Amino acid sequence: MNTLIQAENLVKSFGSKRAVDGISLKVDKGEVLGFLGPNGAGKTTTMRMLTGYLEPTSGTIAICGIKLENDPIALKERIGYLPEGAPLYSDMTPAQILKFAGEVRRMKGARLRERFAYVTEALHLNSVLAQPVETLSKGFKRRVGLALALLHDPEVLILDEPTDGLDPLQKHEVRELIRRMAKDKAIVISTHILEEVEAVCTRALIIAQGKLVADGTPAQLTAKSKKGSLDALFREVAASGAEVAV
């Protein structure tokens, strides 16, 4: 199966406020989709719906061909999710949290040991594995959250600000990791760092006021800007909410 994420006409209302207003998107295996928009545009709400964390007011979601309404547990098993803030058990160590999460996902024996070793090495966590999470820096906490998202080697990754709190070297390492994983997965990244989109994303969406206003490769979107930059286009559509044809 090539299309791993399919969403049609997603709507999410909170009382009289419509936070997401008819967004449709498709992400194929091998794609890294940058999800952009100003604060309050509906990015996090959309990502929470894609993971099954929030129920849409209307619209449909399928992950790896599994419809959310048909089998939400099976759908969630295919997803690795790094939420905003990545809540962690503060009195546990990264090693304890990762092993607990693996057991909850019914990972055992050699498989759990293999994936534990992979994520701790890939995210350079070995030096803090025995340290309580509450004593870790923001950057290390973010890396533990990302390790949890990757632990079960999911086909779909939905990452909300994955490099938030990381130093420049750590940002580079995480971007390289995303690039390496991309060929076998569909990845959605929400970010405020436009250079990150240009560095790792094969495609980008911009939403404003809950609506999809631009969809294309970084190069295509840059070409549509009056000033010839992705940053300028982002500011233009965020200010006007107007749709951009690509």
Protein backbone atom coordinates (compact mmCIF):
# COMPACT_ATOMS: atom_id res chain seq x y z
CA MET A 1 0.00 0.00 0.00
CA ASN A 2 1.40 3.37 -1.04
CA THR A 3 -1.05 5.76 0.65
CA LEU A 4 -0.57 5.44 4.41
CA ILE A 5 -2.54 8.51 5.59
CA GLN A 6 -5.86 9.52 4.08
CA ALA A 7 -8.16 12.15 5.57
CA GLU A 8 -11.26 13.57 3.94
CA ASN A 9 -13.14 16.74 4.89
CA LEU A 10 -12.04 16.82 8.52
CA VAL A 11 -14.03 19.16 10.72
CA LYS A 12 -13.56 19.76 14.44
CA SER A 13 -15.78 22.14 16.36
CA PHE A 14 -15.52 23.18 19.99
CA GLY A 15 -18.90 24.66 20.75
CA SER A 16 -19.47 27.44 18.25
CA LYS A 17 -15.81 27.59 17.24
CA ARG A 18 -14.75 25.55 14.20
CA ALA A 19 -11.05 24.85 14.80
CA VAL A 20 -10.63 22.67 11.69
CA ASP A 21 -12.81 23.40 8.68
CA GLY A 22 -12.91 20.76 5.94
CA ILE A 23 -9.25 19.73 5.67
CA SER A 24 -8.40 16.82 3.34
CA LEU A 25 -4.92 15.37 2.94
CA LYS A 26 -3.11 12.29 1.68
CA VAL A 27 0.41 11.16 2.58
CA ASP A 28 2.14 8.33 0.74
CA LYS A 29 4.92 6.04 1.87
CA GLY A 30 8.23 7.84 1.40
CA GLU A 31 6.75 11.31 1.94
CA VAL A 32 7.70 13.73 4.71
CA LEU A 33 4.90 16.27 4.98
CA GLY A 34 5.57 19.61 6.64
CA PHE A 35 2.47 20.91 8.39
CA LEU A 36 2.59 24.68 8.74
CA GLY A 37 0.37 27.43 10.04
CA PRO A 38 0.27 30.29 12.53
CA ASN A 39 -0.62 29.67 16.17
CA GLY A 40 -4.28 28.75 16.44
CA ALA A 41 -4.56 27.67 12.81
CA GLY A 42 -5.67 24.12 13.70
CA LYS A 43 -2.41 22.18 13.21
CA THR A 44 -2.33 20.41 16.56
CA THR A 45 -6.07 19.70 16.47
CA THR A 46 -5.70 18.10 13.02
CA MET A 47 -2.75 15.98 14.16
CA ARG A 48 -4.67 14.84 17.23
CA MET A 49 -7.55 13.75 15.01
CA LEU A 50 -5.19 11.84 12.69
CA THR A 51 -3.89 9.85 15.66
CA GLY A 52 -7.35 9.09 17.03
CA TYR A 53 -6.67 11.17 20.14
CA LEU A 54 -9.51 13.55 19.20
CA GLU A 55 -12.70 12.42 17.49
CA PRO A 56 -13.59 14.49 14.41
CA THR A 57 -16.90 16.31 14.40
CA SER A 58 -17.20 15.03 10.84
CA GLY A 59 -14.97 13.61 8.12
CA THR A 60 -13.07 10.34 7.70
CA ILE A 61 -9.57 9.14 8.58
CA ALA A 62 -7.74 6.02 7.39
CA ILE A 63 -4.21 4.96 8.41
CA CYS A 64 -2.62 2.16 6.41
CA GLY A 65 -6.06 1.44 4.98
CA ILE A 66 -7.68 1.09 8.42
CA LYS A 67 -10.61 3.42 9.00
CA LEU A 68 -10.69 5.09 12.39
CA GLU A 69 -14.36 4.31 12.98
CA ASN A 70 -13.87 0.62 12.13
CA ASP A 71 -10.87 -0.28 14.33
CA PRO A 72 -9.32 2.59 16.33
CA ILE A 73 -6.93 0.29 18.25
CA ALA A 74 -5.49 -1.27 15.09
CA LEU A 75 -5.15 2.20 13.56
CA LYS A 76 -3.24 3.53 16.58
CA GLU A 77 -0.88 0.55 16.51
CA ARG A 78 0.38 1.77 13.14
CA ILE A 79 1.19 5.29 14.42
CA GLY A 80 4.09 6.78 16.32
CA TYR A 81 2.97 10.07 17.87
CA LEU A 82 5.09 12.80 19.42
CA PRO A 83 2.59 15.25 20.92
CA GLU A 84 3.17 18.85 21.85
CA GLY A 85 4.95 18.83 25.22
CA ALA A 86 5.37 15.00 25.14
CA PRO A 87 4.10 14.26 28.68
CA LEU A 88 6.33 11.81 30.53
CA TYR A 89 6.31 10.12 33.95
CA SER A 90 8.65 12.47 35.80
CA ASP A 91 9.66 10.01 38.54
CA MET A 92 10.63 7.26 36.07
CA THR A 93 13.87 6.97 34.13
CA PRO A 94 13.98 6.90 30.31
CA ALA A 95 14.88 3.20 30.47
CA GLN A 96 11.85 2.45 32.65
CA ILE A 97 9.49 4.48 30.47
CA LEU A 98 10.68 2.86 27.24
CA LYS A 99 10.44 -0.65 28.66
CA PHE A 100 6.99 0.08 30.10
CA ALA A 101 5.78 1.48 26.75
CA GLY A 102 7.17 -1.54 24.92
CA GLU A 103 5.36 -3.94 27.24
CA VAL A 104 2.09 -2.01 26.84
CA ARG A 105 2.54 -2.48 23.08
CA ARG A 106 3.06 -6.21 23.66
CA MET A 107 6.72 -6.08 22.65
CA LYS A 108 8.78 -8.82 24.31
CA GLY A 109 12.19 -10.42 24.48
CA ALA A 110 14.61 -9.89 21.61
CA ARG A 111 12.25 -7.55 19.75
CA LEU A 112 11.97 -5.14 22.67
CA ARG A 113 15.71 -5.31 23.35
CA GLU A 114 16.48 -4.64 19.68
CA ARG A 115 14.18 -1.62 19.40
CA PHE A 116 15.24 -0.28 22.81
CA ALA A 117 18.87 -0.38 21.71
CA TYR A 118 18.04 1.26 18.37
CA VAL A 119 16.09 4.24 19.71
CA THR A 120 18.45 4.94 22.60
CA GLU A 121 21.45 4.88 20.25
CA ALA A 122 19.74 6.87 17.48
CA LEU A 123 18.68 9.61 19.91
CA HIS A 124 21.83 9.53 22.07
CA LEU A 125 20.01 8.68 25.29
CA ASN A 126 22.48 6.19 26.77
CA SER A 127 24.06 8.75 29.11
CA VAL A 128 20.71 9.54 30.81
CA LEU A 129 18.92 6.17 30.77
CA ALA A 130 19.16 5.77 34.56
CA GLN A 131 18.38 9.40 35.41
CA PRO A 132 14.86 10.46 36.57
CA VAL A 133 13.03 12.30 33.79
CA GLU A 134 12.31 15.27 36.08
CA THR A 135 16.07 15.99 36.19
CA LEU A 136 16.51 16.03 32.40
CA SER A 137 16.86 19.11 30.21
CA LYS A 138 14.05 20.08 27.84
CA GLY A 139 16.08 18.73 24.93
CA PHE A 140 16.57 15.31 26.54
CA LYS A 141 12.88 15.12 27.47
CA ARG A 142 12.02 15.83 23.84
CA ARG A 143 14.34 13.06 22.70
CA VAL A 144 12.75 10.60 25.14
CA GLY A 145 9.35 11.52 23.70
CA LEU A 146 10.62 10.91 20.18
CA ALA A 147 12.14 7.58 21.26
CA LEU A 148 8.71 6.53 22.52
CA ALA A 149 7.17 7.41 19.15
CA LEU A 150 9.77 5.32 17.31
CA LEU A 151 10.00 2.37 19.68
CA HIS A 152 7.53 0.06 17.91
CA ASP A 153 8.83 0.97 14.42
CA PRO A 154 5.47 2.31 13.16
CA GLU A 155 4.63 2.85 9.50
CA VAL A 156 3.26 6.34 10.21
CA LEU A 157 4.93 9.06 12.29
CA ILE A 158 3.09 12.18 13.40
CA LEU A 159 5.52 14.55 15.08
CA ASP A 160 4.47 17.85 16.65
CA GLU A 161 7.54 20.13 16.80
CA PRO A 162 10.07 17.23 16.98
CA THR A 163 13.14 19.47 17.35
CA ASP A 164 11.65 21.85 19.93
CA GLY A 165 14.20 22.48 22.70
CA LEU A 166 17.11 20.84 20.88
CA ASP A 167 20.41 22.56 20.28
CA PRO A 168 21.63 23.07 16.67
CA LEU A 169 23.64 19.82 16.58
CA GLN A 170 20.74 17.83 18.03
CA LYS A 171 18.33 19.39 15.50
CA HIS A 172 20.66 18.30 12.70
CA GLU A 173 20.85 14.75 14.08
CA VAL A 174 17.06 14.43 14.38
CA ARG A 175 16.57 15.76 10.85
CA GLU A 176 19.08 13.21 9.55
CA LEU A 177 17.21 10.46 11.43
CA ILE A 178 13.90 11.55 9.86
CA ARG A 179 15.49 11.52 6.40
CA ARG A 180 16.83 7.99 6.94
CA MET A 181 13.47 6.67 8.11
CA ALA A 182 11.42 8.41 5.42
CA LYS A 183 11.76 5.82 2.66
CA ASP A 184 9.81 3.24 4.67
CA LYS A 185 7.23 5.48 6.33
CA ALA A 186 4.78 8.35 5.93
CA ILE A 187 5.84 11.20 8.21
CA VAL A 188 3.97 14.35 9.18
CA ILE A 189 5.91 17.11 10.94
CA SER A 190 4.43 20.22 12.47
CA THR A 191 7.09 22.90 12.79
CA HIS A 192 7.58 26.65 13.06
CA ILE A 193 11.10 26.31 11.62
CA LEU A 194 10.80 26.90 7.89
CA GLU A 195 14.39 25.84 7.21
CA GLU A 196 13.40 22.46 8.67
CA VAL A 197 10.70 22.12 6.02
CA GLU A 198 13.20 22.89 3.28
CA ALA A 199 15.75 20.52 4.81
CA VAL A 200 13.63 17.39 5.35
CA CYS A 201 10.15 17.71 3.82
CA THR A 202 9.16 16.46 0.39
CA ARG A 203 5.87 18.36 0.60
CA ALA A 204 4.28 21.04 2.74
CA LEU A 205 0.77 22.12 3.69
CA ILE A 206 -0.11 25.51 5.09
CA ILE A 207 -3.34 25.99 7.00
CA ALA A 208 -4.89 29.20 8.25
CA GLN A 209 -8.09 29.69 10.24
CA GLY A 210 -8.72 25.95 10.12
CA LYS A 211 -8.60 25.73 6.32
CA LEU A 212 -6.02 24.30 3.93
CA VAL A 213 -4.61 27.21 1.93
CA ALA A 214 -1.47 25.79 0.27
CA ASP A 215 -0.16 22.36 -0.71
CA GLY A 216 2.97 21.60 -2.72
CA THR A 217 6.67 20.85 -2.61
CA PRO A 218 8.81 23.45 -0.81
CA ALA A 219 10.11 24.58 -4.22
CA GLN A 220 6.59 24.94 -5.65
CA LEU A 221 5.40 26.93 -2.65
CA THR A 222 8.47 29.15 -2.71
CA ALA A 223 7.84 29.93 -6.39
CA LYS A 224 4.33 31.12 -5.52
CA SER A 225 5.57 33.70 -3.05
CA LYS A 226 5.72 37.31 -4.18
CA LYS A 227 9.15 37.57 -2.56
CA GLY A 228 10.42 34.15 -3.64
CA SER A 229 10.77 32.50 -0.25
CA LEU A 230 8.84 29.98 1.81
CA ASP A 231 9.01 32.31 4.79
CA ALA A 232 7.41 35.11 2.75
CA LEU A 233 4.64 32.80 1.48
CA PHE A 234 3.91 31.63 5.01
CA ARG A 235 3.50 35.23 6.14
CA GLU A 236 1.33 36.09 3.13
CA VAL A 237 -1.15 33.25 3.57
CA ALA A 238 -1.16 33.55 7.37
CA ALA A 239 -2.09 37.22 7.04
CA SER A 240 -4.77 36.81 4.37
CA GLY A 241 -6.01 33.22 4.73
CA ALA A 242 -6.21 33.11 0.94
CA GLU A 243 -5.71 29.85 -0.91
CA VAL A 244 -2.58 29.46 -3.03
CA ALA A 245 -2.83 27.51 -6.29
CA VAL A 246 0.12 25.21 -7.01
